[in-house]
Structures are given as structure tokens and as C-alpha cells.
Amino acid sequence: MGEQQWDEQQWDEKQWDDVGLDIAGYVARVRRIADLSQRELAQRLGVGPATVGRWESGGSMAVDVLERVLGLAGLRLQVVDESGRVVPPFGSDAVRDNAGRRFPAHLDVVPPDRWPLNRGAGPRYDRADPQGWYALRSTRDGAGATGAQRPVDHPTVEQLAQRSAARRGRRARVLEPLPECGCPDTCFEQPACAAGCRCRCESPCSGLSGGRPLE
């Protein structure tokens, strides 16, 4: 037999005991914490008392109903990994493409300024600038990324905006004009600035070979 597929309705009707969740016990726990009788819980949820009784007898329950029941006692559902750490859902603020669609969740998304090798050297002026890039699994694994630590999530819109602002700031600093040289004449007679020079635009430890060229 092939793998069984569950649609949303089938999952809501599925017995939660199959996934190790004691629905009956949690309904009773909620009533204990919130000090509610079965009738009072039913009134809070807008269902009949018999429905609450069926839940506590092992009946099935939809996910959204379980969340409502737990909420009455200040409880909530969480997903944890094997070590018990809470695993958050995929972020809703993750960057999307120009059509507002999510990038494939199983692939890694990189910032738009990191052009893929097979993309070409320049932008396409017949369409909007990309919001990010991703490589297919075959390309990613073929590039030696298998086993490497992958990012937990896709970058968010805010993270990419901060990266873009930082890159613009670096470019602005690079393009700033150099300050006017204030070296005395003695500095021009040697490879580096003289000992008493306040300008210090040519330092002996700057790594330059030969310093300022002599005229």
C-alpha cells in the first residue's frame, strides 16, 4: 500500500491518540486548572455537554478546537524537537518573490546582491529587481553544500533591508574623498611620514612598498 495522504478534514477527524496526544487527559486538565465542570466548559465553547463527555472518553477533536480548549486554561500547543526545544513555525515575515509568493521552503534563499554564477553579470531591466535567489537541490548539493550547516530560516524583509543599508554605507565610506594632505616637506623626502608629522597619511606599518613616490 502507498503512503496514506491526509487532507485537512481527515486530519481534524483523526484520533489524536495516534500521534501520542492524550486528548481526554488534556481536556480534564483544562477543567481542573480553570475550575470548570463539563457543562461549563461546553457553554464556553458553544457545544453540548455530551461533546465534552465524548472528548473525555477518548473521542476525536480538531486542532483548532483543541487550541481553544487549552486557551481557557492559559495553555497552548507547541512543537518540540527530540531534545525538547521549542520549534517555531516558518516565519511569516520571510522574504517573498516579486509576486508575493514564498520561496521554496526546503531550499536556501540568499540576498539579492549575491548573484548566482549562472545568472549573468548584470540586472535584467525588463523586470523588477529580484528579492532573493535560491538554487535547486541538485545545484546546491553539487556545489559541496551537503553536510554544511544550513540557515534555519529564509532571511526576513527587515534583515535584507538592514543588509542593503549596510552595503550602501560601506560604499559611501569608500567613495568619500581623502582628507587634504598636511604633511611637511620632510615627509616627501622619505618613503613614510616623518616622526613628528600630524597627518600620518603614510605610515611605516601601512604595508605599502616604497610609500609616497618621490617627485
Protein backbone atom coordinates (compact mmCIF):
# COMPACT_ATOMS: atom_id res chain seq x y z
CA MET A 1 0.00 0.00 0.00
CA GLY A 2 1.17 3.53 -0.76
CA GLU A 3 1.64 6.20 1.85
CA GLN A 4 -1.70 7.43 3.14
CA GLN A 5 -2.45 11.07 2.42
CA TRP A 6 -4.50 13.21 4.81
CA ASP A 7 -6.47 16.23 3.76
CA GLU A 8 -7.43 18.88 6.30
CA GLN A 9 -10.83 17.40 7.11
CA GLN A 10 -9.43 13.92 7.59
CA TRP A 11 -6.73 15.24 9.90
CA ASP A 12 -9.29 17.10 12.03
CA GLU A 13 -11.26 13.89 12.44
CA LYS A 14 -8.18 11.75 13.12
CA GLN A 15 -7.78 10.30 16.60
CA TRP A 16 -5.03 12.29 18.31
CA ASP A 17 -4.08 9.15 20.25
CA ASP A 18 -2.38 8.03 17.03
CA VAL A 19 0.18 10.83 17.42
CA GLY A 20 0.66 10.33 21.16
CA LEU A 21 -1.56 13.16 22.42
CA ASP A 22 -3.91 12.33 25.29
CA ILE A 23 -6.92 14.45 24.36
CA ALA A 24 -9.08 13.12 27.18
CA GLY A 25 -6.38 13.85 29.74
CA TYR A 26 -5.80 17.38 28.50
CA VAL A 27 -9.49 18.24 28.48
CA ALA A 28 -9.68 17.07 32.08
CA ARG A 29 -6.51 19.04 32.89
CA VAL A 30 -8.06 22.21 31.45
CA ARG A 31 -11.20 21.73 33.52
CA ARG A 32 -9.03 21.20 36.61
CA ILE A 33 -6.95 24.36 36.06
CA ALA A 34 -9.89 26.56 35.00
CA ASP A 35 -12.29 25.12 37.60
CA LEU A 36 -14.91 24.21 35.00
CA SER A 37 -17.49 21.47 35.01
CA GLN A 38 -18.20 19.63 31.79
CA ARG A 39 -21.35 21.69 31.36
CA GLU A 40 -19.50 24.98 31.98
CA LEU A 41 -16.75 24.02 29.52
CA ALA A 42 -19.38 23.15 26.94
CA GLN A 43 -21.03 26.55 27.42
CA ARG A 44 -17.71 28.34 27.00
CA LEU A 45 -17.08 26.51 23.71
CA GLY A 46 -20.63 26.61 22.39
CA VAL A 47 -21.00 22.83 22.23
CA GLY A 48 -23.22 20.35 24.03
CA PRO A 49 -22.18 18.71 27.33
CA ALA A 50 -22.27 15.35 25.59
CA THR A 51 -19.47 16.52 23.27
CA VAL A 52 -17.21 17.29 26.24
CA GLY A 53 -18.07 13.90 27.70
CA ARG A 54 -17.15 12.24 24.41
CA TRP A 55 -13.79 14.04 24.38
CA GLU A 56 -13.00 12.83 27.88
CA SER A 57 -13.97 9.32 26.83
CA GLY A 58 -11.39 9.29 24.05
CA GLY A 59 -13.27 11.00 21.25
CA SER A 60 -11.53 12.90 18.45
CA MET A 61 -11.05 16.66 18.31
CA ALA A 62 -9.99 19.15 15.64
CA VAL A 63 -6.75 21.05 16.10
CA ASP A 64 -8.40 24.48 16.29
CA VAL A 65 -10.87 23.21 18.90
CA LEU A 66 -8.05 21.79 20.99
CA GLU A 67 -6.31 25.17 20.87
CA ARG A 68 -9.49 26.86 22.10
CA VAL A 69 -9.88 24.34 24.93
CA LEU A 70 -6.29 24.77 26.07
CA GLY A 71 -6.60 28.56 25.84
CA LEU A 72 -9.30 28.55 28.52
CA ALA A 73 -6.62 27.42 30.99
CA GLY A 74 -3.87 29.65 29.61
CA LEU A 75 -2.23 26.73 27.80
CA ARG A 76 -1.09 26.39 24.19
CA LEU A 77 0.21 23.82 21.77
CA GLN A 78 3.91 23.74 20.95
CA VAL A 79 6.09 21.71 18.63
CA VAL A 80 9.39 20.48 20.08
CA ASP A 81 12.34 18.60 18.65
CA GLU A 82 13.90 15.43 20.03
CA SER A 83 15.82 17.38 22.67
CA GLY A 84 12.69 19.17 23.88
CA ARG A 85 13.50 22.56 22.38
CA VAL A 86 10.54 24.52 21.01
CA VAL A 87 10.48 24.67 17.20
CA PRO A 88 8.75 27.82 15.87
CA PRO A 89 6.73 27.74 12.65
CA PHE A 90 8.19 29.08 9.43
CA GLY A 91 8.28 32.86 9.72
CA SER A 92 5.52 34.82 8.02
CA ASP A 93 7.95 37.73 7.57
CA ALA A 94 10.34 35.72 5.40
CA VAL A 95 11.21 37.39 2.10
CA ARG A 96 8.95 36.55 -0.84
CA ASP A 97 9.33 36.86 -4.58
CA ASN A 98 8.03 39.78 -6.61
CA ALA A 99 4.63 38.08 -6.96
CA GLY A 100 4.27 37.77 -3.17
CA ARG A 101 4.84 34.00 -3.16
CA ARG A 102 7.01 32.15 -0.69
CA PHE A 103 10.31 30.84 -1.92
CA PRO A 104 10.52 27.02 -1.76
CA ALA A 105 10.80 26.30 1.98
CA HIS A 106 13.21 23.38 1.56
CA LEU A 107 15.75 25.45 -0.40
CA ASP A 108 18.13 28.12 0.89
CA VAL A 109 17.49 31.75 -0.08
CA VAL A 110 20.40 34.18 -0.40
CA PRO A 111 20.27 38.01 -0.58
CA PRO A 112 19.60 39.59 -3.99
CA ASP A 113 23.09 41.11 -4.14
CA ARG A 114 24.67 37.64 -4.22
CA TRP A 115 24.28 36.91 -7.91
CA PRO A 116 24.31 33.21 -8.85
CA LEU A 117 27.14 32.12 -11.10
CA ASN A 118 24.80 31.10 -13.91
CA ARG A 119 22.75 34.32 -13.79
CA GLY A 120 24.97 36.66 -15.77
CA ALA A 121 26.89 39.76 -14.87
CA GLY A 122 24.15 42.38 -14.84
CA PRO A 123 20.50 43.02 -13.93
CA ARG A 124 17.51 42.39 -16.17
CA TYR A 125 15.94 45.76 -17.00
CA ASP A 126 12.76 44.16 -18.34
CA ARG A 127 11.62 43.07 -14.89
CA ALA A 128 11.75 44.13 -11.25
CA ASP A 129 14.89 43.53 -9.21
CA PRO A 130 14.84 40.09 -7.54
CA GLN A 131 14.05 39.84 -3.84
CA GLY A 132 16.41 36.89 -3.38
CA TRP A 133 17.97 33.89 -5.10
CA TYR A 134 17.81 30.16 -4.49
CA ALA A 135 19.46 27.14 -6.07
CA LEU A 136 17.76 23.86 -6.82
CA ARG A 137 18.72 20.98 -4.57
CA SER A 138 20.83 19.34 -7.28
CA THR A 139 22.86 22.53 -7.78
CA ARG A 140 23.17 23.16 -4.05
CA ASP A 141 24.36 19.65 -3.27
CA GLY A 142 26.61 19.53 -6.31
CA ALA A 143 28.40 22.65 -5.09
CA GLY A 144 29.53 20.79 -1.98
CA ALA A 145 26.93 22.18 0.43
CA THR A 146 25.91 18.71 1.60
CA GLY A 147 26.67 18.38 5.28
CA ALA A 148 27.33 22.09 5.70
CA GLN A 149 25.33 23.98 8.27
CA ARG A 150 22.30 25.47 6.60
CA PRO A 151 20.47 28.60 7.78
CA VAL A 152 17.48 27.90 10.00
CA ASP A 153 15.12 30.13 8.01
CA HIS A 154 14.92 32.26 4.93
CA PRO A 155 16.05 35.86 5.51
CA THR A 156 13.34 38.30 6.51
CA VAL A 157 12.47 41.50 4.69
CA GLU A 158 13.90 43.53 7.59
CA GLN A 159 17.17 41.59 7.57
CA LEU A 160 17.63 42.18 3.85
CA ALA A 161 16.82 45.89 4.28
CA GLN A 162 19.46 46.16 7.01
CA ARG A 163 21.98 44.36 4.81
CA SER A 164 21.25 46.70 1.90
CA ALA A 165 21.61 49.78 4.14
CA ALA A 166 24.93 48.48 5.49
CA ARG A 167 26.22 47.87 1.96
CA ARG A 168 25.20 51.39 0.90
CA GLY A 169 27.03 52.76 3.96
CA ARG A 170 30.20 50.88 3.08
CA ARG A 171 30.07 52.13 -0.49
CA ALA A 172 29.57 55.70 0.74
CA ARG A 173 32.62 55.44 3.00
CA VAL A 174 34.71 54.05 0.16
CA LEU A 175 33.71 56.94 -2.10
CA GLU A 176 34.44 59.62 0.50
CA PRO A 177 37.29 61.94 -0.71
CA LEU A 178 40.56 61.59 1.12
CA PRO A 179 41.38 64.44 3.50
CA GLU A 180 43.80 67.05 2.24
CA CYS A 181 47.37 66.10 2.99
CA GLY A 182 49.03 68.23 5.64
CA CYS A 183 52.46 66.64 5.60
CA PRO A 184 55.51 68.90 5.99
CA ASP A 185 58.14 68.92 3.25
CA THR A 186 60.32 66.45 5.15
CA CYS A 187 57.71 63.71 4.65
CA PHE A 188 58.15 63.92 0.88
CA GLU A 189 61.84 63.20 1.21
CA GLN A 190 61.34 59.68 2.63
CA PRO A 191 59.10 56.63 1.98
CA ALA A 192 56.84 57.33 5.01
CA CYS A 193 55.72 60.25 7.12
CA ALA A 194 58.33 61.86 9.39
CA ALA A 195 58.22 61.11 13.10
CA GLY A 196 56.71 64.49 14.02
CA CYS A 197 54.08 64.57 11.24
CA ARG A 198 50.49 65.05 12.43
CA CYS A 199 48.92 63.98 9.12
CA ARG A 200 50.35 60.45 9.19
CA CYS A 201 48.87 59.64 5.77
CA GLU A 202 51.83 57.39 5.01
CA SER A 203 52.63 55.13 7.92
CA PRO A 204 55.70 52.85 8.00
CA CYS A 205 53.46 49.98 9.09
CA SER A 206 50.84 50.53 6.39
CA GLY A 207 52.24 47.68 4.30
CA LEU A 208 52.95 49.93 1.31
CA SER A 209 56.16 49.26 -0.51
CA GLY A 210 58.04 52.46 -1.10
CA GLY A 211 55.45 54.79 0.45
CA ARG A 212 54.68 58.03 -1.40
CA PRO A 213 56.50 58.30 -4.72
CA LEU A 214 59.20 60.91 -4.76
CA GLU A 215 58.97 63.80 -7.19
